[in-house]
């Protein structure tokens, strides 16, 4: 559901750095926290976004929902990390 929601936001033309995405990014952050069993730091959360781009499997997964989604998510996650987690 999260990947679909990110793809829909991108398709609607939402800018990756837009604070209006904070609700969606908070849902994603909470999911990461549950998965990792610990809250990621701002650097770790932004780093996860970079991993979505650098790792071919992650990139293919996200880009299969919408071309360019991995890069868009990485940018959104980095902006959220600076704004909400920094």
C-alpha atoms as a PDB file:
ATOM      1  CA  UNK A   1       0.000   0.000   0.000  1.00  0.00           C
ATOM      2  CA  UNK A   2       2.821   2.423   0.797  1.00  0.00           C
ATOM      3  CA  UNK A   3       4.527   1.879  -2.552  1.00  0.00           C
ATOM      4  CA  UNK A   4       1.211   2.448  -4.322  1.00  0.00           C
ATOM      5  CA  UNK A   5       0.593   5.637  -2.338  1.00  0.00           C
ATOM      6  CA  UNK A   6       4.065   6.960  -3.139  1.00  0.00           C
ATOM      7  CA  UNK A   7       3.536   6.166  -6.838  1.00  0.00           C
ATOM      8  CA  UNK A   8       0.171   7.951  -6.784  1.00  0.00           C
ATOM      9  CA  UNK A   9       1.678  11.035  -5.136  1.00  0.00           C
ATOM     10  CA  UNK A  10       4.427  11.118  -7.752  1.00  0.00           C
ATOM     11  CA  UNK A  11       1.886  10.622 -10.565  1.00  0.00           C
ATOM     12  CA  UNK A  12      -0.171  13.551  -9.237  1.00  0.00           C
ATOM     13  CA  UNK A  13       2.878  15.762  -9.644  1.00  0.00           C
ATOM     14  CA  UNK A  14       3.679  16.175  -5.961  1.00  0.00           C
ATOM     15  CA  UNK A  15       7.204  17.470  -5.484  1.00  0.00           C
ATOM     16  CA  UNK A  16       9.361  15.051  -3.487  1.00  0.00           C
ATOM     17  CA  UNK A  17      10.337  17.774  -1.009  1.00  0.00           C
ATOM     18  CA  UNK A  18       6.780  18.976  -0.364  1.00  0.00           C
ATOM     19  CA  UNK A  19       5.853  18.985   3.353  1.00  0.00           C
ATOM     20  CA  UNK A  20       2.345  17.923   2.279  1.00  0.00           C
ATOM     21  CA  UNK A  21       3.849  14.422   1.911  1.00  0.00           C
ATOM     22  CA  UNK A  22       4.792  14.283   5.600  1.00  0.00           C
ATOM     23  CA  UNK A  23       1.796  12.106   6.517  1.00  0.00           C
ATOM     24  CA  UNK A  24       2.756   9.510   3.925  1.00  0.00           C
ATOM     25  CA  UNK A  25       6.425   9.699   4.873  1.00  0.00           C
ATOM     26  CA  UNK A  26       5.538   9.304   8.562  1.00  0.00           C
ATOM     27  CA  UNK A  27       3.609   6.130   7.689  1.00  0.00           C
ATOM     28  CA  UNK A  28       6.681   4.863   5.814  1.00  0.00           C
ATOM     29  CA  UNK A  29       9.026   5.866   8.641  1.00  0.00           C
ATOM     30  CA  UNK A  30       6.801   4.023  11.142  1.00  0.00           C
ATOM     31  CA  UNK A  31       6.867   0.940   8.899  1.00  0.00           C
ATOM     32  CA  UNK A  32      10.677   1.091   8.738  1.00  0.00           C
ATOM     33  CA  UNK A  33      10.805   1.449  12.533  1.00  0.00           C
ATOM     34  CA  UNK A  34       8.641  -1.655  12.968  1.00  0.00           C
ATOM     35  CA  UNK A  35      10.739  -3.579  10.438  1.00  0.00           C
ATOM     36  CA  UNK A  36      14.051  -2.561  11.987  1.00  0.00           C
ATOM     37  CA  UNK A  37      12.677  -2.882  15.546  1.00  0.00           C
ATOM     38  CA  UNK A  38      14.247   0.498  16.317  1.00  0.00           C
ATOM     39  CA  UNK A  39      13.651   4.073  15.180  1.00  0.00           C
ATOM     40  CA  UNK A  40      16.021   5.018  12.355  1.00  0.00           C
ATOM     41  CA  UNK A  41      18.008   8.195  12.770  1.00  0.00           C
ATOM     42  CA  UNK A  42      17.647  10.945  10.194  1.00  0.00           C
ATOM     43  CA  UNK A  43      20.868   9.776   8.522  1.00  0.00           C
ATOM     44  CA  UNK A  44      19.747   6.143   8.481  1.00  0.00           C
ATOM     45  CA  UNK A  45      16.347   7.005   7.019  1.00  0.00           C
ATOM     46  CA  UNK A  46      17.881   9.157   4.282  1.00  0.00           C
ATOM     47  CA  UNK A  47      20.444   6.404   3.693  1.00  0.00           C
ATOM     48  CA  UNK A  48      17.658   3.890   3.180  1.00  0.00           C
ATOM     49  CA  UNK A  49      16.334   6.125   0.423  1.00  0.00           C
ATOM     50  CA  UNK A  50      19.760   6.140  -1.220  1.00  0.00           C
ATOM     51  CA  UNK A  51      19.779   2.335  -0.962  1.00  0.00           C
ATOM     52  CA  UNK A  52      16.464   2.228  -2.852  1.00  0.00           C
ATOM     53  CA  UNK A  53      18.330   3.841  -5.769  1.00  0.00           C
ATOM     54  CA  UNK A  54      21.706   2.107  -5.473  1.00  0.00           C
ATOM     55  CA  UNK A  55      20.483  -1.471  -4.979  1.00  0.00           C
ATOM     56  CA  UNK A  56      19.271  -2.937  -8.288  1.00  0.00           C
ATOM     57  CA  UNK A  57      16.572  -5.078  -6.644  1.00  0.00           C
ATOM     58  CA  UNK A  58      15.094  -2.204  -4.650  1.00  0.00           C
ATOM     59  CA  UNK A  59      15.310   0.137  -7.639  1.00  0.00           C
ATOM     60  CA  UNK A  60      13.525  -2.378  -9.881  1.00  0.00           C
ATOM     61  CA  UNK A  61      10.840  -2.959  -7.244  1.00  0.00           C
ATOM     62  CA  UNK A  62      10.019   0.722  -6.764  1.00  0.00           C
ATOM     63  CA  UNK A  63      10.427   1.661 -10.417  1.00  0.00           C
ATOM     64  CA  UNK A  64       8.041  -1.152 -11.380  1.00  0.00           C
ATOM     65  CA  UNK A  65       5.282   0.864  -9.692  1.00  0.00           C
ATOM     66  CA  UNK A  66       6.254   4.044 -11.528  1.00  0.00           C
ATOM     67  CA  UNK A  67       9.425   4.793 -13.514  1.00  0.00           C
ATOM     68  CA  UNK A  68      11.696   7.041 -11.454  1.00  0.00           C
ATOM     69  CA  UNK A  69       9.923   6.255  -8.182  1.00  0.00           C
ATOM     70  CA  UNK A  70      13.088   5.065  -6.414  1.00  0.00           C
ATOM     71  CA  UNK A  71      14.839   8.397  -7.017  1.00  0.00           C
ATOM     72  CA  UNK A  72      11.718  10.375  -6.131  1.00  0.00           C
ATOM     73  CA  UNK A  73      11.310   8.436  -2.878  1.00  0.00           C
ATOM     74  CA  UNK A  74      14.981   8.907  -1.999  1.00  0.00           C
ATOM     75  CA  UNK A  75      14.576  12.654  -2.426  1.00  0.00           C
ATOM     76  CA  UNK A  76      11.344  12.670  -0.403  1.00  0.00           C
ATOM     77  CA  UNK A  77      12.885  10.595   2.378  1.00  0.00           C
ATOM     78  CA  UNK A  78      15.947  12.860   2.573  1.00  0.00           C
ATOM     79  CA  UNK A  79      13.744  15.966   2.753  1.00  0.00           C
ATOM     80  CA  UNK A  80      11.591  14.374   5.463  1.00  0.00           C
ATOM     81  CA  UNK A  81      14.687  13.338   7.405  1.00  0.00           C
ATOM     82  CA  UNK A  82      15.984  16.933   7.352  1.00  0.00           C
ATOM     83  CA  UNK A  83      12.605  18.458   8.158  1.00  0.00           C
ATOM     84  CA  UNK A  84      11.117  16.042  10.694  1.00  0.00           C
ATOM     85  CA  UNK A  85      13.956  13.932  12.065  1.00  0.00           C
ATOM     86  CA  UNK A  86      16.925  16.283  12.075  1.00  0.00           C
END
